[in-house]
Amino acid sequence: MSVPSRIRRNVGAFLAVSALALAVAQDQFAFMPASGQELLVAVLEGCGGCDDIPTLATWDLEADAWRQYFEEKGALADYDEKQVAVLVSYLAINFPNGATNASSLPRSTRSMVILNCQLCHSIAVPMTQARPLERWLEHRLIAPHDGLSLTPKDWETLAHYLANVAPLPLEVIPEQLRRGAGGY
């Protein structure tokens, strides 16, 4: 299904404005759990025995192997199960990738949620939905989600993130972010 031209024209402008708004009001989204990208950077900062990003970015491991690696290094002690699940799924989906530093890592899942989900509804909609991974993966096939500019890896990363962190209690989401266009 193709996206109507009026929506395509407005999406670029909306994303530019959203990115600027995100930079200005980033604290508004502090309620959102950290993405795999953010968790990787934090884990590596606290892990003296872990390999660096350029080395890790060459590895092709499943989630369980990533978990084992970081557990053996003692790097996950400060992280809860949801955070670990977000981290290892991010790595399993997005690595290897040739990243050379933190700024060249694949997109932050938080930014994908902020910049894409709010095109049609408030951020509260995805963040308060309890759905298993399969349902989040199927969601990309439903209009208008099928018209978003997300790669299959983006969708998979996004689905794993939401399946692991949602639902959040509505009360943790700032009031101004509970309102938005549309909604379902």
N, C-alpha and C. Protein backbone atom coordinates (compact mmCIF):
# COMPACT_ATOMS: atom_id res chain seq x y z
N MET A 1 0.86 -1.17 0.00
CA MET A 1 0.00 0.00 0.00
C MET A 1 0.90 1.24 0.00
N SER A 2 0.62 2.19 -0.84
CA SER A 2 1.45 3.38 -0.90
C SER A 2 0.91 4.46 0.03
N VAL A 3 1.82 5.31 0.45
CA VAL A 3 1.46 6.41 1.34
C VAL A 3 1.00 7.58 0.48
N PRO A 4 -0.14 8.21 0.80
CA PRO A 4 -0.61 9.35 0.02
C PRO A 4 0.46 10.44 -0.06
N SER A 5 0.52 11.14 -1.21
CA SER A 5 1.56 12.14 -1.44
C SER A 5 1.53 13.26 -0.41
N ARG A 6 0.35 13.66 0.05
CA ARG A 6 0.30 14.74 1.03
C ARG A 6 0.96 14.32 2.34
N ILE A 7 0.85 13.05 2.67
CA ILE A 7 1.51 12.55 3.89
C ILE A 7 3.01 12.50 3.67
N ARG A 8 3.45 12.00 2.50
CA ARG A 8 4.89 11.93 2.22
C ARG A 8 5.52 13.31 2.27
N ARG A 9 4.83 14.33 1.72
CA ARG A 9 5.38 15.69 1.72
C ARG A 9 5.54 16.21 3.14
N ASN A 10 4.57 15.90 3.97
CA ASN A 10 4.59 16.42 5.33
C ASN A 10 5.49 15.64 6.27
N VAL A 11 5.78 14.40 5.95
CA VAL A 11 6.58 13.58 6.84
C VAL A 11 7.99 14.15 7.00
N GLY A 12 8.62 14.55 5.91
CA GLY A 12 9.97 15.12 5.99
C GLY A 12 10.01 16.36 6.87
N ALA A 13 9.06 17.25 6.67
CA ALA A 13 9.00 18.46 7.50
C ALA A 13 8.71 18.11 8.94
N PHE A 14 7.79 17.17 9.14
CA PHE A 14 7.45 16.76 10.50
C PHE A 14 8.67 16.17 11.20
N LEU A 15 9.42 15.31 10.50
CA LEU A 15 10.59 14.68 11.11
C LEU A 15 11.65 15.71 11.47
N ALA A 16 11.85 16.70 10.60
CA ALA A 16 12.82 17.75 10.90
C ALA A 16 12.41 18.55 12.13
N VAL A 17 11.15 18.93 12.18
CA VAL A 17 10.64 19.67 13.34
C VAL A 17 10.69 18.78 14.58
N SER A 18 10.35 17.51 14.42
CA SER A 18 10.37 16.59 15.56
C SER A 18 11.78 16.42 16.11
N ALA A 19 12.75 16.32 15.21
CA ALA A 19 14.14 16.17 15.66
C ALA A 19 14.58 17.39 16.45
N LEU A 20 14.22 18.58 15.97
CA LEU A 20 14.55 19.80 16.69
C LEU A 20 13.83 19.84 18.03
N ALA A 21 12.57 19.50 18.02
CA ALA A 21 11.79 19.48 19.27
C ALA A 21 12.37 18.46 20.23
N LEU A 22 12.82 17.33 19.70
CA LEU A 22 13.41 16.30 20.54
C LEU A 22 14.69 16.81 21.20
N ALA A 23 15.51 17.51 20.44
CA ALA A 23 16.74 18.06 21.00
C ALA A 23 16.45 19.09 22.08
N VAL A 24 15.45 19.92 21.85
CA VAL A 24 15.10 20.99 22.80
C VAL A 24 14.42 20.41 24.04
N ALA A 25 13.56 19.44 23.85
CA ALA A 25 12.73 18.95 24.95
C ALA A 25 13.05 17.50 25.31
N GLN A 26 14.29 17.11 25.19
CA GLN A 26 14.68 15.73 25.42
C GLN A 26 14.27 15.24 26.81
N ASP A 27 14.29 16.10 27.79
CA ASP A 27 13.90 15.69 29.14
C ASP A 27 12.45 15.26 29.21
N GLN A 28 11.60 15.74 28.31
CA GLN A 28 10.21 15.30 28.29
C GLN A 28 10.10 13.80 28.09
N PHE A 29 11.07 13.22 27.43
CA PHE A 29 11.03 11.80 27.11
C PHE A 29 11.89 10.96 28.05
N ALA A 30 12.31 11.55 29.16
CA ALA A 30 13.13 10.84 30.14
C ALA A 30 12.39 9.65 30.74
N PHE A 31 11.07 9.64 30.67
CA PHE A 31 10.28 8.53 31.19
C PHE A 31 10.49 7.25 30.40
N MET A 32 10.96 7.37 29.15
CA MET A 32 11.13 6.21 28.29
C MET A 32 12.39 5.44 28.69
N PRO A 33 12.27 4.13 28.81
CA PRO A 33 13.46 3.33 29.13
C PRO A 33 14.54 3.48 28.05
N ALA A 34 15.77 3.29 28.47
CA ALA A 34 16.91 3.42 27.56
C ALA A 34 16.81 2.43 26.41
N SER A 35 17.34 2.84 25.27
CA SER A 35 17.38 1.97 24.09
C SER A 35 18.62 1.08 24.16
N GLY A 36 18.70 0.11 23.27
CA GLY A 36 19.86 -0.77 23.21
C GLY A 36 21.14 0.00 22.95
N GLN A 37 21.07 1.00 22.09
CA GLN A 37 22.23 1.83 21.81
C GLN A 37 22.71 2.53 23.08
N GLU A 38 21.79 3.14 23.81
CA GLU A 38 22.14 3.85 25.04
C GLU A 38 22.67 2.88 26.10
N LEU A 39 22.05 1.72 26.20
CA LEU A 39 22.49 0.73 27.17
C LEU A 39 23.88 0.21 26.84
N LEU A 40 24.17 -0.02 25.57
CA LEU A 40 25.50 -0.49 25.18
C LEU A 40 26.56 0.51 25.60
N VAL A 41 26.33 1.77 25.32
CA VAL A 41 27.30 2.81 25.70
C VAL A 41 27.50 2.82 27.21
N ALA A 42 26.41 2.76 27.97
CA ALA A 42 26.50 2.77 29.43
C ALA A 42 27.22 1.53 29.96
N VAL A 43 26.88 0.37 29.43
CA VAL A 43 27.52 -0.87 29.87
C VAL A 43 29.02 -0.82 29.60
N LEU A 44 29.39 -0.36 28.42
CA LEU A 44 30.82 -0.31 28.07
C LEU A 44 31.57 0.71 28.92
N GLU A 45 30.92 1.82 29.28
CA GLU A 45 31.57 2.80 30.14
C GLU A 45 31.89 2.23 31.52
N GLY A 46 31.06 1.30 31.99
CA GLY A 46 31.27 0.72 33.31
C GLY A 46 32.00 -0.61 33.31
N CYS A 47 32.44 -1.05 32.16
CA CYS A 47 33.06 -2.38 32.05
C CYS A 47 34.52 -2.24 31.63
N GLY A 48 35.40 -2.43 32.57
CA GLY A 48 36.83 -2.32 32.27
C GLY A 48 37.37 -3.45 31.41
N GLY A 49 36.73 -4.62 31.44
CA GLY A 49 37.24 -5.77 30.71
C GLY A 49 36.54 -6.05 29.39
N CYS A 50 35.58 -5.21 29.03
CA CYS A 50 34.85 -5.44 27.77
C CYS A 50 35.63 -4.93 26.58
N ASP A 51 35.38 -5.54 25.45
CA ASP A 51 35.97 -5.07 24.20
C ASP A 51 35.31 -3.76 23.81
N ASP A 52 35.94 -3.02 22.89
CA ASP A 52 35.42 -1.73 22.47
C ASP A 52 34.39 -1.88 21.35
N ILE A 53 33.74 -0.78 21.02
CA ILE A 53 32.69 -0.81 19.98
C ILE A 53 33.21 -1.32 18.64
N PRO A 54 34.36 -0.86 18.13
CA PRO A 54 34.81 -1.38 16.84
C PRO A 54 35.01 -2.90 16.84
N THR A 55 35.45 -3.46 17.95
CA THR A 55 35.63 -4.90 18.04
C THR A 55 34.27 -5.60 18.12
N LEU A 56 33.42 -5.14 19.04
CA LEU A 56 32.09 -5.75 19.19
C LEU A 56 31.28 -5.67 17.90
N ALA A 57 31.46 -4.59 17.16
CA ALA A 57 30.68 -4.36 15.94
C ALA A 57 31.01 -5.36 14.83
N THR A 58 32.03 -6.17 15.03
CA THR A 58 32.37 -7.21 14.04
C THR A 58 31.77 -8.57 14.41
N TRP A 59 31.21 -8.66 15.60
CA TRP A 59 30.71 -9.95 16.09
C TRP A 59 29.28 -10.20 15.63
N ASP A 60 29.00 -11.45 15.32
CA ASP A 60 27.67 -11.89 14.91
C ASP A 60 27.20 -12.94 15.92
N LEU A 61 26.55 -12.49 16.99
CA LEU A 61 26.13 -13.38 18.07
C LEU A 61 24.62 -13.33 18.26
N GLU A 62 24.08 -14.40 18.77
CA GLU A 62 22.67 -14.45 19.18
C GLU A 62 22.54 -13.75 20.53
N ALA A 63 21.32 -13.41 20.90
CA ALA A 63 21.08 -12.69 22.15
C ALA A 63 21.66 -13.41 23.37
N ASP A 64 21.49 -14.72 23.44
CA ASP A 64 22.02 -15.47 24.59
C ASP A 64 23.54 -15.38 24.68
N ALA A 65 24.21 -15.39 23.55
CA ALA A 65 25.68 -15.28 23.55
C ALA A 65 26.13 -13.89 23.98
N TRP A 66 25.39 -12.85 23.55
CA TRP A 66 25.71 -11.48 24.00
C TRP A 66 25.54 -11.39 25.51
N ARG A 67 24.45 -11.97 26.02
CA ARG A 67 24.20 -11.96 27.47
C ARG A 67 25.35 -12.65 28.20
N GLN A 68 25.73 -13.81 27.71
CA GLN A 68 26.81 -14.57 28.34
C GLN A 68 28.11 -13.77 28.35
N TYR A 69 28.43 -13.13 27.23
CA TYR A 69 29.65 -12.33 27.15
C TYR A 69 29.67 -11.26 28.23
N PHE A 70 28.60 -10.47 28.31
CA PHE A 70 28.56 -9.37 29.28
C PHE A 70 28.46 -9.88 30.72
N GLU A 71 27.78 -11.01 30.93
CA GLU A 71 27.72 -11.58 32.28
C GLU A 71 29.10 -12.05 32.73
N GLU A 72 29.83 -12.69 31.82
CA GLU A 72 31.18 -13.15 32.16
C GLU A 72 32.11 -11.99 32.48
N LYS A 73 31.86 -10.84 31.91
CA LYS A 73 32.66 -9.64 32.18
C LYS A 73 32.17 -8.91 33.44
N GLY A 74 31.06 -9.37 34.00
CA GLY A 74 30.49 -8.72 35.18
C GLY A 74 29.88 -7.36 34.87
N ALA A 75 29.48 -7.16 33.63
CA ALA A 75 29.02 -5.84 33.18
C ALA A 75 27.52 -5.60 33.36
N LEU A 76 26.76 -6.61 33.76
CA LEU A 76 25.30 -6.46 33.81
C LEU A 76 24.73 -6.35 35.22
N ALA A 77 25.59 -6.30 36.22
CA ALA A 77 25.13 -6.30 37.62
C ALA A 77 24.20 -5.13 37.94
N ASP A 78 24.39 -3.99 37.31
CA ASP A 78 23.58 -2.80 37.60
C ASP A 78 22.33 -2.68 36.73
N TYR A 79 22.03 -3.70 35.96
CA TYR A 79 20.92 -3.62 35.01
C TYR A 79 19.87 -4.68 35.32
N ASP A 80 18.59 -4.28 35.17
CA ASP A 80 17.51 -5.23 35.42
C ASP A 80 17.26 -6.09 34.17
N GLU A 81 16.40 -7.07 34.30
CA GLU A 81 16.16 -8.03 33.22
C GLU A 81 15.63 -7.36 31.95
N LYS A 82 14.75 -6.38 32.09
CA LYS A 82 14.22 -5.70 30.91
C LYS A 82 15.33 -4.96 30.17
N GLN A 83 16.20 -4.28 30.90
CA GLN A 83 17.30 -3.56 30.28
C GLN A 83 18.24 -4.53 29.56
N VAL A 84 18.54 -5.65 30.20
CA VAL A 84 19.42 -6.65 29.58
C VAL A 84 18.76 -7.20 28.32
N ALA A 85 17.46 -7.46 28.37
CA ALA A 85 16.75 -7.97 27.19
C ALA A 85 16.79 -6.96 26.04
N VAL A 86 16.62 -5.68 26.36
CA VAL A 86 16.70 -4.64 25.32
C VAL A 86 18.11 -4.62 24.73
N LEU A 87 19.12 -4.65 25.57
CA LEU A 87 20.51 -4.60 25.11
C LEU A 87 20.85 -5.78 24.22
N VAL A 88 20.61 -6.99 24.68
CA VAL A 88 21.05 -8.16 23.91
C VAL A 88 20.25 -8.36 22.63
N SER A 89 18.97 -7.98 22.64
CA SER A 89 18.21 -8.08 21.39
C SER A 89 18.71 -7.04 20.39
N TYR A 90 19.02 -5.83 20.86
CA TYR A 90 19.59 -4.79 19.99
C TYR A 90 20.87 -5.29 19.33
N LEU A 91 21.75 -5.88 20.13
CA LEU A 91 23.02 -6.36 19.59
C LEU A 91 22.82 -7.52 18.62
N ALA A 92 21.95 -8.46 18.98
CA ALA A 92 21.72 -9.62 18.11
C ALA A 92 21.12 -9.21 16.76
N ILE A 93 20.28 -8.19 16.76
CA ILE A 93 19.65 -7.73 15.52
C ILE A 93 20.58 -6.85 14.69
N ASN A 94 21.32 -5.97 15.34
CA ASN A 94 22.05 -4.92 14.64
C ASN A 94 23.55 -5.15 14.45
N PHE A 95 24.11 -6.17 15.06
CA PHE A 95 25.53 -6.45 14.90
C PHE A 95 25.69 -7.73 14.10
N PRO A 96 26.72 -7.86 13.28
CA PRO A 96 27.81 -6.93 13.02
C PRO A 96 27.34 -5.78 12.13
N ASN A 97 28.07 -4.65 12.27
CA ASN A 97 27.65 -3.49 11.49
C ASN A 97 28.78 -2.53 11.14
N GLY A 98 29.96 -2.73 11.62
CA GLY A 98 31.08 -1.87 11.28
C GLY A 98 31.13 -0.56 12.03
N ALA A 99 30.38 -0.41 13.12
CA ALA A 99 30.43 0.82 13.90
C ALA A 99 31.84 1.03 14.44
N THR A 100 32.27 2.27 14.45
CA THR A 100 33.61 2.58 14.93
C THR A 100 33.60 3.32 16.26
N ASN A 101 32.45 3.87 16.64
CA ASN A 101 32.31 4.58 17.91
C ASN A 101 30.82 4.69 18.24
N ALA A 102 30.51 5.30 19.38
CA ALA A 102 29.11 5.40 19.82
C ALA A 102 28.23 6.14 18.81
N SER A 103 28.77 7.17 18.17
CA SER A 103 27.95 7.95 17.24
C SER A 103 27.66 7.21 15.93
N SER A 104 28.37 6.13 15.66
CA SER A 104 28.11 5.38 14.43
C SER A 104 27.31 4.09 14.68
N LEU A 105 26.80 3.94 15.91
CA LEU A 105 25.94 2.80 16.21
C LEU A 105 24.59 2.95 15.49
N PRO A 106 23.90 1.83 15.25
CA PRO A 106 22.56 1.92 14.65
C PRO A 106 21.63 2.80 15.50
N ARG A 107 20.60 3.32 14.87
CA ARG A 107 19.65 4.26 15.48
C ARG A 107 19.18 3.85 16.87
N SER A 108 18.94 4.85 17.67
CA SER A 108 18.34 4.66 18.98
C SER A 108 16.87 4.29 18.81
N THR A 109 16.45 3.24 19.50
CA THR A 109 15.05 2.82 19.42
C THR A 109 14.14 3.88 20.02
N ARG A 110 14.60 4.54 21.07
CA ARG A 110 13.80 5.61 21.66
C ARG A 110 13.50 6.67 20.60
N SER A 111 14.49 7.05 19.82
CA SER A 111 14.25 8.07 18.80
C SER A 111 13.31 7.55 17.71
N MET A 112 13.38 6.25 17.40
CA MET A 112 12.44 5.69 16.42
C MET A 112 11.01 5.80 16.93
N VAL A 113 10.79 5.50 18.21
CA VAL A 113 9.45 5.61 18.79
C VAL A 113 8.99 7.06 18.76
N ILE A 114 9.86 7.95 19.22
CA ILE A 114 9.51 9.37 19.31
C ILE A 114 9.20 9.96 17.94
N LEU A 115 10.03 9.66 16.96
CA LEU A 115 9.89 10.29 15.65
C LEU A 115 8.86 9.61 14.73
N ASN A 116 8.51 8.37 14.99
CA ASN A 116 7.58 7.67 14.10
C ASN A 116 6.20 7.48 14.69
N CYS A 117 6.12 7.05 15.92
CA CYS A 117 4.82 6.74 16.51
C CYS A 117 3.96 7.99 16.65
N GLN A 118 4.60 9.11 16.93
CA GLN A 118 3.84 10.34 17.13
C GLN A 118 3.34 10.98 15.84
N LEU A 119 3.63 10.36 14.71
CA LEU A 119 3.07 10.86 13.45
C LEU A 119 1.56 10.76 13.46
N CYS A 120 1.03 9.74 14.14
CA CYS A 120 -0.41 9.49 14.11
C CYS A 120 -1.09 9.55 15.47
N HIS A 121 -0.36 9.37 16.53
CA HIS A 121 -0.99 9.34 17.86
C HIS A 121 0.04 9.76 18.91
N SER A 122 -0.40 9.89 20.12
CA SER A 122 0.51 10.30 21.20
C SER A 122 1.49 9.17 21.52
N ILE A 123 2.58 9.54 22.13
CA ILE A 123 3.59 8.57 22.54
C ILE A 123 3.02 7.58 23.56
N ALA A 124 1.95 7.98 24.23
CA ALA A 124 1.34 7.11 25.23
C ALA A 124 0.77 5.84 24.62
N VAL A 125 0.36 5.89 23.36
CA VAL A 125 -0.25 4.72 22.73
C VAL A 125 0.74 3.55 22.71
N PRO A 126 1.91 3.66 22.09
CA PRO A 126 2.79 2.48 22.10
C PRO A 126 3.38 2.18 23.48
N MET A 127 3.63 3.21 24.26
CA MET A 127 4.31 2.99 25.54
C MET A 127 3.42 2.38 26.61
N THR A 128 2.11 2.39 26.42
CA THR A 128 1.21 1.79 27.41
C THR A 128 0.56 0.51 26.91
N GLN A 129 0.98 0.03 25.75
CA GLN A 129 0.41 -1.19 25.16
C GLN A 129 1.20 -2.42 25.60
N ALA A 130 0.51 -3.41 26.11
CA ALA A 130 1.14 -4.69 26.45
C ALA A 130 0.90 -5.63 25.28
N ARG A 131 1.95 -5.86 24.51
CA ARG A 131 1.84 -6.76 23.35
C ARG A 131 3.05 -7.67 23.33
N PRO A 132 2.85 -8.93 22.97
CA PRO A 132 4.01 -9.80 22.80
C PRO A 132 4.78 -9.41 21.54
N LEU A 133 5.99 -9.88 21.45
CA LEU A 133 6.86 -9.55 20.32
C LEU A 133 6.18 -9.79 18.98
N GLU A 134 5.51 -10.91 18.83
CA GLU A 134 4.87 -11.25 17.55
C GLU A 134 3.86 -10.19 17.13
N ARG A 135 3.11 -9.68 18.09
CA ARG A 135 2.10 -8.65 17.78
C ARG A 135 2.77 -7.35 17.36
N TRP A 136 3.88 -6.99 18.02
CA TRP A 136 4.59 -5.77 17.59
C TRP A 136 5.15 -5.96 16.18
N LEU A 137 5.67 -7.14 15.89
CA LEU A 137 6.20 -7.39 14.55
C LEU A 137 5.10 -7.34 13.49
N GLU A 138 3.93 -7.86 13.80
CA GLU A 138 2.79 -7.82 12.87
C GLU A 138 2.28 -6.39 12.67
N HIS A 139 2.48 -5.55 13.67
CA HIS A 139 1.97 -4.18 13.63
C HIS A 139 2.51 -3.40 12.43
N ARG A 140 3.69 -3.73 12.00
CA ARG A 140 4.30 -3.01 10.88
C ARG A 140 3.59 -3.25 9.56
N LEU A 141 2.75 -4.27 9.51
CA LEU A 141 2.04 -4.59 8.28
C LEU A 141 0.70 -3.87 8.18
N ILE A 142 0.31 -3.20 9.24
CA ILE A 142 -0.99 -2.53 9.31
C ILE A 142 -0.82 -1.06 8.93
N ALA A 143 -1.68 -0.57 8.04
CA ALA A 143 -1.65 0.85 7.67
C ALA A 143 -1.98 1.68 8.90
N PRO A 144 -1.37 2.81 9.07
CA PRO A 144 -0.37 3.47 8.26
C PRO A 144 1.06 3.07 8.59
N HIS A 145 1.25 2.11 9.51
CA HIS A 145 2.59 1.70 9.93
C HIS A 145 3.40 1.13 8.77
N ASP A 146 2.74 0.54 7.81
CA ASP A 146 3.43 -0.05 6.66
C ASP A 146 4.06 1.01 5.76
N GLY A 147 3.72 2.27 5.96
CA GLY A 147 4.29 3.34 5.15
C GLY A 147 5.42 4.09 5.83
N LEU A 148 5.78 3.70 7.04
CA LEU A 148 6.87 4.39 7.74
C LEU A 148 8.21 4.05 7.12
N SER A 149 9.15 4.96 7.22
CA SER A 149 10.48 4.76 6.65
C SER A 149 11.38 4.05 7.66
N LEU A 150 11.05 2.80 7.93
CA LEU A 150 11.84 1.98 8.83
C LEU A 150 12.29 0.74 8.08
N THR A 151 13.54 0.38 8.25
CA THR A 151 14.06 -0.83 7.62
C THR A 151 13.54 -2.06 8.39
N PRO A 152 13.66 -3.23 7.81
CA PRO A 152 13.28 -4.44 8.57
C PRO A 152 14.04 -4.56 9.90
N LYS A 153 15.32 -4.20 9.91
CA LYS A 153 16.08 -4.23 11.17
C LYS A 153 15.54 -3.20 12.16
N ASP A 154 15.19 -2.01 11.66
CA ASP A 154 14.58 -1.00 12.53
C ASP A 154 13.32 -1.55 13.17
N TRP A 155 12.44 -2.15 12.35
CA TRP A 155 11.19 -2.69 12.86
C TRP A 155 11.43 -3.78 13.88
N GLU A 156 12.37 -4.66 13.60
CA GLU A 156 12.65 -5.75 14.53
C GLU A 156 13.19 -5.20 15.85
N THR A 157 14.10 -4.23 15.76
CA THR A 157 14.66 -3.61 16.96
C THR A 157 13.56 -2.90 17.74
N LEU A 158 12.72 -2.16 17.03
CA LEU A 158 11.61 -1.44 17.66
C LEU A 158 10.65 -2.41 18.34
N ALA A 159 10.31 -3.50 17.67
CA ALA A 159 9.39 -4.49 18.24
C ALA A 159 9.96 -5.11 19.51
N HIS A 160 11.24 -5.46 19.48
CA HIS A 160 11.87 -6.04 20.67
C HIS A 160 11.90 -5.02 21.81
N TYR A 161 12.20 -3.78 21.50
CA TYR A 161 12.22 -2.73 22.53
C TYR A 161 10.85 -2.61 23.18
N LEU A 162 9.81 -2.44 22.38
CA LEU A 162 8.46 -2.26 22.94
C LEU A 162 7.97 -3.50 23.67
N ALA A 163 8.29 -4.69 23.17
CA ALA A 163 7.88 -5.91 23.84
C ALA A 163 8.55 -6.05 25.20
N ASN A 164 9.75 -5.48 25.34
CA ASN A 164 10.49 -5.58 26.60
C ASN A 164 10.19 -4.46 27.58
N VAL A 165 9.87 -3.27 27.10
CA VAL A 165 9.71 -2.13 28.03
C VAL A 165 8.26 -1.74 28.29
N ALA A 166 7.37 -2.03 27.35
CA ALA A 166 5.97 -1.66 27.53
C ALA A 166 5.22 -2.83 28.17
N PRO A 167 4.19 -2.56 28.91
CA PRO A 167 3.55 -1.26 29.09
C PRO A 167 4.13 -0.48 30.26
N LEU A 168 4.15 0.83 30.08
CA LEU A 168 4.48 1.74 31.17
C LEU A 168 3.18 2.26 31.75
N PRO A 169 3.16 2.60 33.03
CA PRO A 169 1.95 3.21 33.60
C PRO A 169 1.71 4.58 32.95
N LEU A 170 0.48 4.87 32.63
CA LEU A 170 0.14 6.15 32.00
C LEU A 170 0.65 7.33 32.82
N GLU A 171 0.65 7.20 34.13
CA GLU A 171 1.04 8.31 35.01
C GLU A 171 2.49 8.75 34.84
N VAL A 172 3.37 7.89 34.33
CA VAL A 172 4.77 8.28 34.16
C VAL A 172 4.99 9.12 32.91
N ILE A 173 4.00 9.14 32.03
CA ILE A 173 4.10 9.91 30.79
C ILE A 173 3.59 11.32 31.04
N PRO A 174 4.42 12.33 30.73
CA PRO A 174 3.97 13.71 30.96
C PRO A 174 2.63 13.98 30.26
N GLU A 175 1.78 14.74 30.93
CA GLU A 175 0.42 15.04 30.44
C GLU A 175 0.43 15.53 29.00
N GLN A 176 1.35 16.45 28.66
CA GLN A 176 1.36 17.02 27.31
C GLN A 176 1.72 15.97 26.25
N LEU A 177 2.34 14.86 26.64
CA LEU A 177 2.68 13.80 25.68
C LEU A 177 1.60 12.73 25.60
N ARG A 178 0.60 12.82 26.44
CA ARG A 178 -0.51 11.86 26.38
C ARG A 178 -1.50 12.26 25.31
N ARG A 179 -1.49 13.54 24.93
CA ARG A 179 -2.39 14.03 23.89
C ARG A 179 -1.66 13.98 22.56
N GLY A 180 -2.40 13.87 21.50
CA GLY A 180 -1.77 13.87 20.19
C GLY A 180 -2.78 13.62 19.10
N ALA A 181 -2.32 13.69 17.91
CA ALA A 181 -3.20 13.47 16.77
C ALA A 181 -3.70 12.04 16.78
N GLY A 182 -4.92 11.89 16.43
CA GLY A 182 -5.50 10.56 16.29
C GLY A 182 -5.47 9.75 17.57
N GLY A 183 -5.32 8.51 17.42
CA GLY A 183 -5.28 7.61 18.55
C GLY A 183 -6.20 6.43 18.29
N TYR A 184 -5.84 5.34 18.84
CA TYR A 184 -6.65 4.14 18.70
C TYR A 184 -6.32 3.21 19.82
